[in-house]
């Protein structure tokens, strides 16, 4: 399956490879506390990157209240495509924990190529 042939609603195979959590101070904090703040400074104007804006949006949509403020739990995933029983990486990404938990399948063994 090539990316040009991929349409909204097509099924893809995702593998969870790790978990992650970020709290509101990591998104909304100042200076070094802002974990996901990636940016460019041009003429003293801060341009927020799409990665930072995406994490901020996901925190708002999928975050839950935790002891230290709002927390966003997610899985880091690989999009794989299998050929002759071997899973080949197509892309990497992140899936909110609530969505993954509602749609995950049983554990399975894989061979990565």
PDB file of N, CA and C in Angstrom:
ATOM      1  N   UNK A   1       0.858  -1.175   0.000  1.00  0.00           N
ATOM      2  CA  UNK A   1       0.000   0.000   0.000  1.00  0.00           C
ATOM      3  C   UNK A   1       0.897   1.229   0.000  1.00  0.00           C
ATOM      4  N   UNK A   2       0.765   2.065  -0.998  1.00  0.00           N
ATOM      5  CA  UNK A   2       1.540   3.296  -0.973  1.00  0.00           C
ATOM      6  C   UNK A   2       0.684   4.419  -0.401  1.00  0.00           C
ATOM      7  N   UNK A   3       1.347   5.481   0.054  1.00  0.00           N
ATOM      8  CA  UNK A   3       0.627   6.573   0.716  1.00  0.00           C
ATOM      9  C   UNK A   3      -0.389   7.229  -0.204  1.00  0.00           C
ATOM     10  N   UNK A   4      -0.100   7.266  -1.506  1.00  0.00           N
ATOM     11  CA  UNK A   4      -1.033   7.875  -2.450  1.00  0.00           C
ATOM     12  C   UNK A   4      -2.331   7.078  -2.517  1.00  0.00           C
ATOM     13  N   UNK A   5      -2.248   5.757  -2.268  1.00  0.00           N
ATOM     14  CA  UNK A   5      -3.428   4.913  -2.319  1.00  0.00           C
ATOM     15  C   UNK A   5      -4.178   4.827  -1.002  1.00  0.00           C
ATOM     16  N   UNK A   6      -3.694   5.472   0.043  1.00  0.00           N
ATOM     17  CA  UNK A   6      -4.315   5.424   1.361  1.00  0.00           C
ATOM     18  C   UNK A   6      -5.424   6.468   1.446  1.00  0.00           C
ATOM     19  N   UNK A   7      -6.617   6.004   1.849  1.00  0.00           N
ATOM     20  CA  UNK A   7      -7.775   6.892   1.954  1.00  0.00           C
ATOM     21  C   UNK A   7      -8.289   6.894   3.388  1.00  0.00           C
ATOM     22  N   UNK A   8      -8.972   7.968   3.764  1.00  0.00           N
ATOM     23  CA  UNK A   8      -9.586   8.059   5.078  1.00  0.00           C
ATOM     24  C   UNK A   8     -10.491   6.853   5.285  1.00  0.00           C
ATOM     25  N   UNK A   9     -10.321   6.177   6.406  1.00  0.00           N
ATOM     26  CA  UNK A   9     -11.121   4.999   6.707  1.00  0.00           C
ATOM     27  C   UNK A   9     -10.420   3.699   6.384  1.00  0.00           C
ATOM     28  N   UNK A  10      -9.306   3.736   5.630  1.00  0.00           N
ATOM     29  CA  UNK A  10      -8.550   2.515   5.350  1.00  0.00           C
ATOM     30  C   UNK A  10      -7.933   1.988   6.636  1.00  0.00           C
ATOM     31  N   UNK A  11      -7.885   0.674   6.782  1.00  0.00           N
ATOM     32  CA  UNK A  11      -7.277   0.061   7.954  1.00  0.00           C
ATOM     33  C   UNK A  11      -5.759   0.012   7.783  1.00  0.00           C
ATOM     34  N   UNK A  12      -5.039   0.322   8.851  1.00  0.00           N
ATOM     35  CA  UNK A  12      -3.586   0.197   8.875  1.00  0.00           C
ATOM     36  C   UNK A  12      -3.219  -0.551  10.153  1.00  0.00           C
ATOM     37  N   UNK A  13      -2.044  -1.130  10.177  1.00  0.00           N
ATOM     38  CA  UNK A  13      -1.590  -1.853  11.366  1.00  0.00           C
ATOM     39  C   UNK A  13      -0.626  -0.975  12.147  1.00  0.00           C
ATOM     40  N   UNK A  14      -0.934  -0.769  13.429  1.00  0.00           N
ATOM     41  CA  UNK A  14      -0.088   0.012  14.321  1.00  0.00           C
ATOM     42  C   UNK A  14       0.438  -0.894  15.425  1.00  0.00           C
ATOM     43  N   UNK A  15       1.690  -0.697  15.795  1.00  0.00           N
ATOM     44  CA  UNK A  15       2.311  -1.429  16.897  1.00  0.00           C
ATOM     45  C   UNK A  15       2.706  -0.428  17.974  1.00  0.00           C
ATOM     46  N   UNK A  16       2.272  -0.676  19.202  1.00  0.00           N
ATOM     47  CA  UNK A  16       2.685   0.180  20.321  1.00  0.00           C
ATOM     48  C   UNK A  16       4.104  -0.212  20.708  1.00  0.00           C
ATOM     49  N   UNK A  17       5.006   0.772  20.768  1.00  0.00           N
ATOM     50  CA  UNK A  17       6.395   0.474  21.107  1.00  0.00           C
ATOM     51  C   UNK A  17       6.807   1.041  22.461  1.00  0.00           C
ATOM     52  N   UNK A  18       6.055   2.024  22.963  1.00  0.00           N
ATOM     53  CA  UNK A  18       6.321   2.579  24.290  1.00  0.00           C
ATOM     54  C   UNK A  18       5.149   3.465  24.692  1.00  0.00           C
ATOM     55  N   UNK A  19       5.162   3.876  25.961  1.00  0.00           N
ATOM     56  CA  UNK A  19       4.129   4.783  26.448  1.00  0.00           C
ATOM     57  C   UNK A  19       4.781   6.112  26.812  1.00  0.00           C
ATOM     58  N   UNK A  20       3.960   7.121  26.911  1.00  0.00           N
ATOM     59  CA  UNK A  20       4.466   8.424  27.308  1.00  0.00           C
ATOM     60  C   UNK A  20       3.393   9.199  28.038  1.00  0.00           C
ATOM     61  N   UNK A  21       3.828  10.175  28.816  1.00  0.00           N
ATOM     62  CA  UNK A  21       2.925  11.058  29.540  1.00  0.00           C
ATOM     63  C   UNK A  21       3.542  12.446  29.559  1.00  0.00           C
ATOM     64  N   UNK A  22       2.711  13.430  29.381  1.00  0.00           N
ATOM     65  CA  UNK A  22       3.162  14.810  29.554  1.00  0.00           C
ATOM     66  C   UNK A  22       2.099  15.511  30.389  1.00  0.00           C
ATOM     67  N   UNK A  23       2.545  16.343  31.333  1.00  0.00           N
ATOM     68  CA  UNK A  23       1.563  17.064  32.136  1.00  0.00           C
ATOM     69  C   UNK A  23       1.465  18.504  31.660  1.00  0.00           C
ATOM     70  N   UNK A  24       0.511  19.228  32.199  1.00  0.00           N
ATOM     71  CA  UNK A  24       0.235  20.572  31.706  1.00  0.00           C
ATOM     72  C   UNK A  24       1.429  21.505  31.846  1.00  0.00           C
ATOM     73  N   UNK A  25       2.282  21.313  32.840  1.00  0.00           N
ATOM     74  CA  UNK A  25       3.456  22.190  32.955  1.00  0.00           C
ATOM     75  C   UNK A  25       4.426  21.939  31.807  1.00  0.00           C
ATOM     76  N   UNK A  26       4.410  20.740  31.241  1.00  0.00           N
ATOM     77  CA  UNK A  26       5.262  20.452  30.091  1.00  0.00           C
ATOM     78  C   UNK A  26       4.778  21.103  28.818  1.00  0.00           C
ATOM     79  N   UNK A  27       3.504  21.454  28.772  1.00  0.00           N
ATOM     80  CA  UNK A  27       2.951  22.120  27.590  1.00  0.00           C
ATOM     81  C   UNK A  27       2.816  23.618  27.841  1.00  0.00           C
ATOM     82  N   UNK A  28       2.381  23.981  29.031  1.00  0.00           N
ATOM     83  CA  UNK A  28       2.089  25.386  29.309  1.00  0.00           C
ATOM     84  C   UNK A  28       3.164  26.084  30.145  1.00  0.00           C
ATOM     85  N   UNK A  29       4.167  25.347  30.629  1.00  0.00           N
ATOM     86  CA  UNK A  29       5.183  25.933  31.504  1.00  0.00           C
ATOM     87  C   UNK A  29       6.051  26.967  30.810  1.00  0.00           C
ATOM     88  N   UNK A  30       6.950  27.569  31.570  1.00  0.00           N
ATOM     89  CA  UNK A  30       7.856  28.568  31.030  1.00  0.00           C
ATOM     90  C   UNK A  30       9.251  27.995  30.889  1.00  0.00           C
ATOM     91  N   UNK A  31       9.985  28.505  29.935  1.00  0.00           N
ATOM     92  CA  UNK A  31      11.396  28.180  29.778  1.00  0.00           C
ATOM     93  C   UNK A  31      11.664  26.695  29.657  1.00  0.00           C
ATOM     94  N   UNK A  32      12.557  26.181  30.505  1.00  0.00           N
ATOM     95  CA  UNK A  32      12.983  24.791  30.415  1.00  0.00           C
ATOM     96  C   UNK A  32      11.890  23.807  30.797  1.00  0.00           C
ATOM     97  N   UNK A  33      10.852  24.260  31.514  1.00  0.00           N
ATOM     98  CA  UNK A  33       9.748  23.378  31.886  1.00  0.00           C
ATOM     99  C   UNK A  33       8.904  22.985  30.684  1.00  0.00           C
ATOM    100  N   UNK A  34       8.998  23.710  29.612  1.00  0.00           N
ATOM    101  CA  UNK A  34       8.148  23.463  28.456  1.00  0.00           C
ATOM    102  C   UNK A  34       8.787  22.366  27.595  1.00  0.00           C
ATOM    103  N   UNK A  35       8.453  21.113  27.918  1.00  0.00           N
ATOM    104  CA  UNK A  35       9.103  19.962  27.311  1.00  0.00           C
ATOM    105  C   UNK A  35       8.919  19.861  25.802  1.00  0.00           C
ATOM    106  N   UNK A  36       7.710  20.081  25.345  1.00  0.00           N
ATOM    107  CA  UNK A  36       7.434  19.883  23.934  1.00  0.00           C
ATOM    108  C   UNK A  36       7.483  21.178  23.139  1.00  0.00           C
ATOM    109  N   UNK A  37       8.031  22.202  23.718  1.00  0.00           N
ATOM    110  CA  UNK A  37       8.082  23.477  22.993  1.00  0.00           C
ATOM    111  C   UNK A  37       9.276  23.446  22.050  1.00  0.00           C
ATOM    112  N   UNK A  38       8.988  23.327  20.820  1.00  0.00           N
ATOM    113  CA  UNK A  38      10.005  23.358  19.787  1.00  0.00           C
ATOM    114  C   UNK A  38       9.735  24.633  19.009  1.00  0.00           C
ATOM    115  N   UNK A  39      10.711  25.410  18.768  1.00  0.00           N
ATOM    116  CA  UNK A  39      10.404  26.652  18.081  1.00  0.00           C
ATOM    117  C   UNK A  39      11.591  27.266  17.386  1.00  0.00           C
ATOM    118  N   UNK A  40      11.299  28.266  16.627  1.00  0.00           N
ATOM    119  CA  UNK A  40      12.313  29.050  15.941  1.00  0.00           C
ATOM    120  C   UNK A  40      12.156  30.490  16.410  1.00  0.00           C
ATOM    121  N   UNK A  41      13.247  31.161  16.589  1.00  0.00           N
ATOM    122  CA  UNK A  41      13.198  32.572  16.934  1.00  0.00           C
ATOM    123  C   UNK A  41      13.709  33.364  15.743  1.00  0.00           C
ATOM    124  N   UNK A  42      12.849  34.167  15.207  1.00  0.00           N
ATOM    125  CA  UNK A  42      13.219  35.009  14.087  1.00  0.00           C
ATOM    126  C   UNK A  42      12.852  36.436  14.446  1.00  0.00           C
ATOM    127  N   UNK A  43      13.836  37.309  14.492  1.00  0.00           N
ATOM    128  CA  UNK A  43      13.600  38.719  14.835  1.00  0.00           C
ATOM    129  C   UNK A  43      12.822  38.852  16.145  1.00  0.00           C
ATOM    130  N   UNK A  44      13.195  38.034  17.139  1.00  0.00           N
ATOM    131  CA  UNK A  44      12.609  38.055  18.482  1.00  0.00           C
ATOM    132  C   UNK A  44      11.136  37.663  18.508  1.00  0.00           C
ATOM    133  N   UNK A  45      10.627  37.062  17.448  1.00  0.00           N
ATOM    134  CA  UNK A  45       9.250  36.580  17.422  1.00  0.00           C
ATOM    135  C   UNK A  45       9.302  35.066  17.472  1.00  0.00           C
ATOM    136  N   UNK A  46       8.567  34.470  18.414  1.00  0.00           N
ATOM    137  CA  UNK A  46       8.584  33.015  18.556  1.00  0.00           C
ATOM    138  C   UNK A  46       7.530  32.397  17.654  1.00  0.00           C
ATOM    139  N   UNK A  47       7.953  31.503  16.780  1.00  0.00           N
ATOM    140  CA  UNK A  47       7.012  30.772  15.919  1.00  0.00           C
ATOM    141  C   UNK A  47       6.895  29.357  16.473  1.00  0.00           C
ATOM    142  N   UNK A  48       5.711  28.977  16.940  1.00  0.00           N
ATOM    143  CA  UNK A  48       5.515  27.648  17.506  1.00  0.00           C
ATOM    144  C   UNK A  48       5.413  26.634  16.384  1.00  0.00           C
ATOM    145  N   UNK A  49       6.088  25.499  16.527  1.00  0.00           N
ATOM    146  CA  UNK A  49       6.080  24.478  15.486  1.00  0.00           C
ATOM    147  C   UNK A  49       4.787  23.675  15.508  1.00  0.00           C
ATOM    148  N   UNK A  50       4.549  22.971  14.433  1.00  0.00           N
ATOM    149  CA  UNK A  50       3.345  22.153  14.346  1.00  0.00           C
ATOM    150  C   UNK A  50       3.363  21.040  15.395  1.00  0.00           C
ATOM    151  N   UNK A  51       4.531  20.516  15.749  1.00  0.00           N
ATOM    152  CA  UNK A  51       4.619  19.458  16.771  1.00  0.00           C
ATOM    153  C   UNK A  51       4.130  19.981  18.121  1.00  0.00           C
ATOM    154  N   UNK A  52       4.585  21.150  18.513  1.00  0.00           N
ATOM    155  CA  UNK A  52       4.145  21.738  19.773  1.00  0.00           C
ATOM    156  C   UNK A  52       2.638  21.995  19.754  1.00  0.00           C
ATOM    157  N   UNK A  53       2.150  22.555  18.662  1.00  0.00           N
ATOM    158  CA  UNK A  53       0.716  22.854  18.564  1.00  0.00           C
ATOM    159  C   UNK A  53      -0.115  21.577  18.586  1.00  0.00           C
ATOM    160  N   UNK A  54       0.379  20.518  17.969  1.00  0.00           N
ATOM    161  CA  UNK A  54      -0.337  19.243  17.962  1.00  0.00           C
ATOM    162  C   UNK A  54      -0.414  18.661  19.374  1.00  0.00           C
ATOM    163  N   UNK A  55       0.696  18.686  20.110  1.00  0.00           N
ATOM    164  CA  UNK A  55       0.692  18.171  21.488  1.00  0.00           C
ATOM    165  C   UNK A  55      -0.248  19.006  22.354  1.00  0.00           C
ATOM    166  N   UNK A  56      -0.246  20.309  22.167  1.00  0.00           N
ATOM    167  CA  UNK A  56      -1.130  21.184  22.933  1.00  0.00           C
ATOM    168  C   UNK A  56      -2.596  20.839  22.651  1.00  0.00           C
ATOM    169  N   UNK A  57      -2.917  20.588  21.387  1.00  0.00           N
ATOM    170  CA  UNK A  57      -4.282  20.218  20.993  1.00  0.00           C
ATOM    171  C   UNK A  57      -4.668  18.865  21.593  1.00  0.00           C
ATOM    172  N   UNK A  58      -3.751  17.876  21.522  1.00  0.00           N
ATOM    173  CA  UNK A  58      -4.024  16.553  22.075  1.00  0.00           C
ATOM    174  C   UNK A  58      -4.204  16.621  23.590  1.00  0.00           C
ATOM    175  N   UNK A  59      -3.425  17.464  24.258  1.00  0.00           N
ATOM    176  CA  UNK A  59      -3.562  17.635  25.716  1.00  0.00           C
ATOM    177  C   UNK A  59      -4.970  18.131  26.040  1.00  0.00           C
ATOM    178  N   UNK A  60      -5.465  19.076  25.255  1.00  0.00           N
ATOM    179  CA  UNK A  60      -6.796  19.630  25.496  1.00  0.00           C
ATOM    180  C   UNK A  60      -7.885  18.582  25.241  1.00  0.00           C
ATOM    181  N   UNK A  61      -7.744  17.803  24.154  1.00  0.00           N
ATOM    182  CA  UNK A  61      -8.764  16.817  23.790  1.00  0.00           C
ATOM    183  C   UNK A  61      -8.744  15.562  24.656  1.00  0.00           C
ATOM    184  N   UNK A  62      -7.553  15.049  24.961  1.00  0.00           N
ATOM    185  CA  UNK A  62      -7.433  13.730  25.589  1.00  0.00           C
ATOM    186  C   UNK A  62      -6.814  13.753  26.982  1.00  0.00           C
ATOM    187  N   UNK A  63      -6.435  14.922  27.466  1.00  0.00           N
ATOM    188  CA  UNK A  63      -5.839  15.004  28.792  1.00  0.00           C
ATOM    189  C   UNK A  63      -6.853  14.701  29.875  1.00  0.00           C
ATOM    190  N   UNK A  64      -6.362  14.206  30.990  1.00  0.00           N
ATOM    191  CA  UNK A  64      -7.205  13.937  32.154  1.00  0.00           C
ATOM    192  C   UNK A  64      -6.614  14.681  33.347  1.00  0.00           C
ATOM    193  N   UNK A  65      -7.442  14.944  34.338  1.00  0.00           N
ATOM    194  CA  UNK A  65      -6.944  15.636  35.524  1.00  0.00           C
ATOM    195  C   UNK A  65      -6.131  14.671  36.377  1.00  0.00           C
ATOM    196  N   UNK A  66      -4.924  15.081  36.710  1.00  0.00           N
ATOM    197  CA  UNK A  66      -4.044  14.281  37.550  1.00  0.00           C
ATOM    198  C   UNK A  66      -3.634  15.074  38.770  1.00  0.00           C
ATOM    199  N   UNK A  67      -2.793  14.509  39.629  1.00  0.00           N
ATOM    200  CA  UNK A  67      -2.399  15.182  40.869  1.00  0.00           C
ATOM    201  C   UNK A  67      -1.616  16.479  40.629  1.00  0.00           C
ATOM    202  N   UNK A  68      -0.930  16.579  39.488  1.00  0.00           N
ATOM    203  CA  UNK A  68      -0.143  17.778  39.186  1.00  0.00           C
ATOM    204  C   UNK A  68      -0.740  18.578  38.041  1.00  0.00           C
ATOM    205  N   UNK A  69      -2.050  18.523  37.893  1.00  0.00           N
ATOM    206  CA  UNK A  69      -2.703  19.230  36.798  1.00  0.00           C
ATOM    207  C   UNK A  69      -3.116  18.258  35.702  1.00  0.00           C
ATOM    208  N   UNK A  70      -3.362  18.767  34.539  1.00  0.00           N
ATOM    209  CA  UNK A  70      -3.820  17.959  33.419  1.00  0.00           C
ATOM    210  C   UNK A  70      -2.682  17.088  32.898  1.00  0.00           C
ATOM    211  N   UNK A  71      -2.979  15.811  32.623  1.00  0.00           N
ATOM    212  CA  UNK A  71      -1.991  14.861  32.095  1.00  0.00           C
ATOM    213  C   UNK A  71      -2.505  14.257  30.802  1.00  0.00           C
ATOM    214  N   UNK A  72      -1.600  14.047  29.867  1.00  0.00           N
ATOM    215  CA  UNK A  72      -1.932  13.423  28.587  1.00  0.00           C
ATOM    216  C   UNK A  72      -1.101  12.151  28.474  1.00  0.00           C
ATOM    217  N   UNK A  73      -1.784  11.008  28.402  1.00  0.00           N
ATOM    218  CA  UNK A  73      -1.132   9.701  28.287  1.00  0.00           C
ATOM    219  C   UNK A  73      -1.281   9.216  26.854  1.00  0.00           C
ATOM    220  N   UNK A  74      -0.216   8.659  26.302  1.00  0.00           N
ATOM    221  CA  UNK A  74      -0.249   8.224  24.910  1.00  0.00           C
ATOM    222  C   UNK A  74       0.675   7.034  24.690  1.00  0.00           C
ATOM    223  N   UNK A  75       0.516   6.401  23.551  1.00  0.00           N
ATOM    224  CA  UNK A  75       1.415   5.343  23.097  1.00  0.00           C
ATOM    225  C   UNK A  75       2.191   5.863  21.894  1.00  0.00           C
ATOM    226  N   UNK A  76       3.477   5.589  21.871  1.00  0.00           N
ATOM    227  CA  UNK A  76       4.278   5.820  20.676  1.00  0.00           C
ATOM    228  C   UNK A  76       4.099   4.572  19.817  1.00  0.00           C
ATOM    229  N   UNK A  77       3.802   4.773  18.547  1.00  0.00           N
ATOM    230  CA  UNK A  77       3.447   3.647  17.685  1.00  0.00           C
ATOM    231  C   UNK A  77       4.248   3.645  16.388  1.00  0.00           C
ATOM    232  N   UNK A  78       4.305   2.478  15.798  1.00  0.00           N
ATOM    233  CA  UNK A  78       4.828   2.320  14.443  1.00  0.00           C
ATOM    234  C   UNK A  78       3.681   1.894  13.553  1.00  0.00           C
ATOM    235  N   UNK A  79       3.574   2.492  12.399  1.00  0.00           N
ATOM    236  CA  UNK A  79       2.673   2.020  11.354  1.00  0.00           C
ATOM    237  C   UNK A  79       3.503   1.025  10.562  1.00  0.00           C
ATOM    238  N   UNK A  80       3.037  -0.208  10.484  1.00  0.00           N
ATOM    239  CA  UNK A  80       3.785  -1.238   9.765  1.00  0.00           C
ATOM    240  C   UNK A  80       2.941  -1.822   8.647  1.00  0.00           C
ATOM    241  N   UNK A  81       3.644  -2.362   7.698  1.00  0.00           N
ATOM    242  CA  UNK A  81       3.010  -3.089   6.605  1.00  0.00           C
ATOM    243  C   UNK A  81       3.728  -4.431   6.518  1.00  0.00           C
ATOM    244  N   UNK A  82       2.965  -5.498   6.477  1.00  0.00           N
ATOM    245  CA  UNK A  82       3.569  -6.840   6.453  1.00  0.00           C
ATOM    246  C   UNK A  82       3.742  -7.341   5.031  1.00  0.00           C
ATOM    247  N   UNK A  83       4.910  -7.937   4.812  1.00  0.00           N
ATOM    248  CA  UNK A  83       5.212  -8.591   3.547  1.00  0.00           C
ATOM    249  C   UNK A  83       5.832  -9.939   3.880  1.00  0.00           C
ATOM    250  N   UNK A  84       5.146 -11.001   3.483  1.00  0.00           N
ATOM    251  CA  UNK A  84       5.615 -12.374   3.743  1.00  0.00           C
ATOM    252  C   UNK A  84       5.901 -12.590   5.227  1.00  0.00           C
ATOM    253  N   UNK A  85       5.015 -12.080   6.089  1.00  0.00           N
ATOM    254  CA  UNK A  85       5.125 -12.308   7.523  1.00  0.00           C
ATOM    255  C   UNK A  85       6.079 -11.386   8.256  1.00  0.00           C
ATOM    256  N   UNK A  86       6.757 -10.500   7.545  1.00  0.00           N
ATOM    257  CA  UNK A  86       7.698  -9.574   8.177  1.00  0.00           C
ATOM    258  C   UNK A  86       7.077  -8.181   8.169  1.00  0.00           C
ATOM    259  N   UNK A  87       7.119  -7.498   9.337  1.00  0.00           N
ATOM    260  CA  UNK A  87       6.531  -6.163   9.476  1.00  0.00           C
ATOM    261  C   UNK A  87       7.589  -5.109   9.166  1.00  0.00           C
ATOM    262  N   UNK A  88       7.296  -4.250   8.206  1.00  0.00           N
ATOM    263  CA  UNK A  88       8.200  -3.178   7.818  1.00  0.00           C
ATOM    264  C   UNK A  88       7.608  -1.841   8.236  1.00  0.00           C
ATOM    265  N   UNK A  89       8.439  -0.990   8.830  1.00  0.00           N
ATOM    266  CA  UNK A  89       7.975   0.313   9.303  1.00  0.00           C
ATOM    267  C   UNK A  89       7.650   1.241   8.144  1.00  0.00           C
ATOM    268  N   UNK A  90       6.466   1.850   8.208  1.00  0.00           N
ATOM    269  CA  UNK A  90       6.059   2.858   7.231  1.00  0.00           C
ATOM    270  C   UNK A  90       6.178   4.258   7.824  1.00  0.00           C
ATOM    271  N   UNK A  91       5.848   4.387   9.117  1.00  0.00           N
ATOM    272  CA  UNK A  91       5.903   5.688   9.788  1.00  0.00           C
ATOM    273  C   UNK A  91       5.871   5.469  11.294  1.00  0.00           C
ATOM    274  N   UNK A  92       6.130   6.532  12.034  1.00  0.00           N
ATOM    275  CA  UNK A  92       6.040   6.508  13.497  1.00  0.00           C
ATOM    276  C   UNK A  92       5.108   7.628  13.929  1.00  0.00           C
ATOM    277  N   UNK A  93       4.458   7.446  15.073  1.00  0.00           N
ATOM    278  CA  UNK A  93       3.541   8.477  15.543  1.00  0.00           C
ATOM    279  C   UNK A  93       3.147   8.264  16.979  1.00  0.00           C
ATOM    280  N   UNK A  94       2.032   8.877  17.342  1.00  0.00           N
ATOM    281  CA  UNK A  94       1.553   8.870  18.713  1.00  0.00           C
ATOM    282  C   UNK A  94       0.036   8.683  18.674  1.00  0.00           C
ATOM    283  N   UNK A  95      -0.492   7.852  19.590  1.00  0.00           N
ATOM    284  CA  UNK A  95      -1.939   7.620  19.685  1.00  0.00           C
ATOM    285  C   UNK A  95      -2.351   7.852  21.135  1.00  0.00           C
ATOM    286  N   UNK A  96      -3.382   8.662  21.373  1.00  0.00           N
ATOM    287  CA  UNK A  96      -3.854   8.857  22.748  1.00  0.00           C
ATOM    288  C   UNK A  96      -4.217   7.522  23.400  1.00  0.00           C
ATOM    289  N   UNK A  97      -3.862   7.369  24.675  1.00  0.00           N
ATOM    290  CA  UNK A  97      -4.090   6.112  25.403  1.00  0.00           C
ATOM    291  C   UNK A  97      -5.555   5.690  25.365  1.00  0.00           C
ATOM    292  N   UNK A  98      -6.472   6.623  25.531  1.00  0.00           N
ATOM    293  CA  UNK A  98      -7.903   6.284  25.535  1.00  0.00           C
ATOM    294  C   UNK A  98      -8.330   5.666  24.205  1.00  0.00           C
ATOM    295  N   UNK A  99      -7.827   6.184  23.115  1.00  0.00           N
ATOM    296  CA  UNK A  99      -8.182   5.645  21.797  1.00  0.00           C
ATOM    297  C   UNK A  99      -7.528   4.280  21.584  1.00  0.00           C
ATOM    298  N   UNK A 100      -6.247   4.166  21.968  1.00  0.00           N
ATOM    299  CA  UNK A 100      -5.560   2.876  21.810  1.00  0.00           C
ATOM    300  C   UNK A 100      -6.258   1.793  22.637  1.00  0.00           C
ATOM    301  N   UNK A 101      -6.531   2.085  23.901  1.00  0.00           N
ATOM    302  CA  UNK A 101      -7.135   1.089  24.793  1.00  0.00           C
ATOM    303  C   UNK A 101      -8.502   0.633  24.296  1.00  0.00           C
ATOM    304  N   UNK A 102      -9.236   1.514  23.628  1.00  0.00           N
ATOM    305  CA  UNK A 102     -10.573   1.163  23.120  1.00  0.00           C
ATOM    306  C   UNK A 102     -10.501   0.333  21.838  1.00  0.00           C
ATOM    307  N   UNK A 103      -9.347   0.309  21.182  1.00  0.00           N
ATOM    308  CA  UNK A 103      -9.246  -0.349  19.875  1.00  0.00           C
ATOM    309  C   UNK A 103      -8.142  -1.389  19.751  1.00  0.00           C
ATOM    310  N   UNK A 104      -7.364  -1.606  20.802  1.00  0.00           N
ATOM    311  CA  UNK A 104      -6.216  -2.507  20.673  1.00  0.00           C
ATOM    312  C   UNK A 104      -6.664  -3.966  20.568  1.00  0.00           C
ATOM    313  N   UNK A 105      -5.799  -4.747  19.987  1.00  0.00           N
ATOM    314  CA  UNK A 105      -6.042  -6.179  19.821  1.00  0.00           C
ATOM    315  C   UNK A 105      -5.102  -6.944  20.748  1.00  0.00           C
ATOM    316  N   UNK A 106      -5.292  -8.253  20.883  1.00  0.00           N
ATOM    317  CA  UNK A 106      -4.402  -9.022  21.770  1.00  0.00           C
ATOM    318  C   UNK A 106      -2.937  -8.952  21.325  1.00  0.00           C
ATOM    319  N   UNK A 107      -2.046  -9.208  22.277  1.00  0.00           N
ATOM    320  CA  UNK A 107      -0.616  -9.238  21.974  1.00  0.00           C
ATOM    321  C   UNK A 107      -0.311 -10.280  20.902  1.00  0.00           C
ATOM    322  N   UNK A 108       0.681  -9.970  20.086  1.00  0.00           N
ATOM    323  CA  UNK A 108       1.087 -10.890  19.037  1.00  0.00           C
ATOM    324  C   UNK A 108       2.597 -10.798  18.843  1.00  0.00           C
ATOM    325  N   UNK A 109       3.187 -11.844  18.330  1.00  0.00           N
ATOM    326  CA  UNK A 109       4.623 -11.826  18.024  1.00  0.00           C
ATOM    327  C   UNK A 109       4.824 -11.238  16.639  1.00  0.00           C
ATOM    328  N   UNK A 110       5.905 -10.486  16.498  1.00  0.00           N
ATOM    329  CA  UNK A 110       6.195  -9.877  15.195  1.00  0.00           C
ATOM    330  C   UNK A 110       7.666 -10.050  14.853  1.00  0.00           C
ATOM    331  N   UNK A 111       7.959  -9.959  13.591  1.00  0.00           N
ATOM    332  CA  UNK A 111       9.333  -9.896  13.103  1.00  0.00           C
ATOM    333  C   UNK A 111       9.433  -8.590  12.343  1.00  0.00           C
ATOM    334  N   UNK A 112      10.329  -7.724  12.812  1.00  0.00           N
ATOM    335  CA  UNK A 112      10.537  -6.446  12.129  1.00  0.00           C
ATOM    336  C   UNK A 112      11.618  -6.597  11.084  1.00  0.00           C
ATOM    337  N   UNK A 113      11.377  -6.009   9.933  1.00  0.00           N
ATOM    338  CA  UNK A 113      12.380  -6.062   8.864  1.00  0.00           C
ATOM    339  C   UNK A 113      12.982  -4.716   8.602  1.00  0.00           C
TER     340      UNK A 113
END
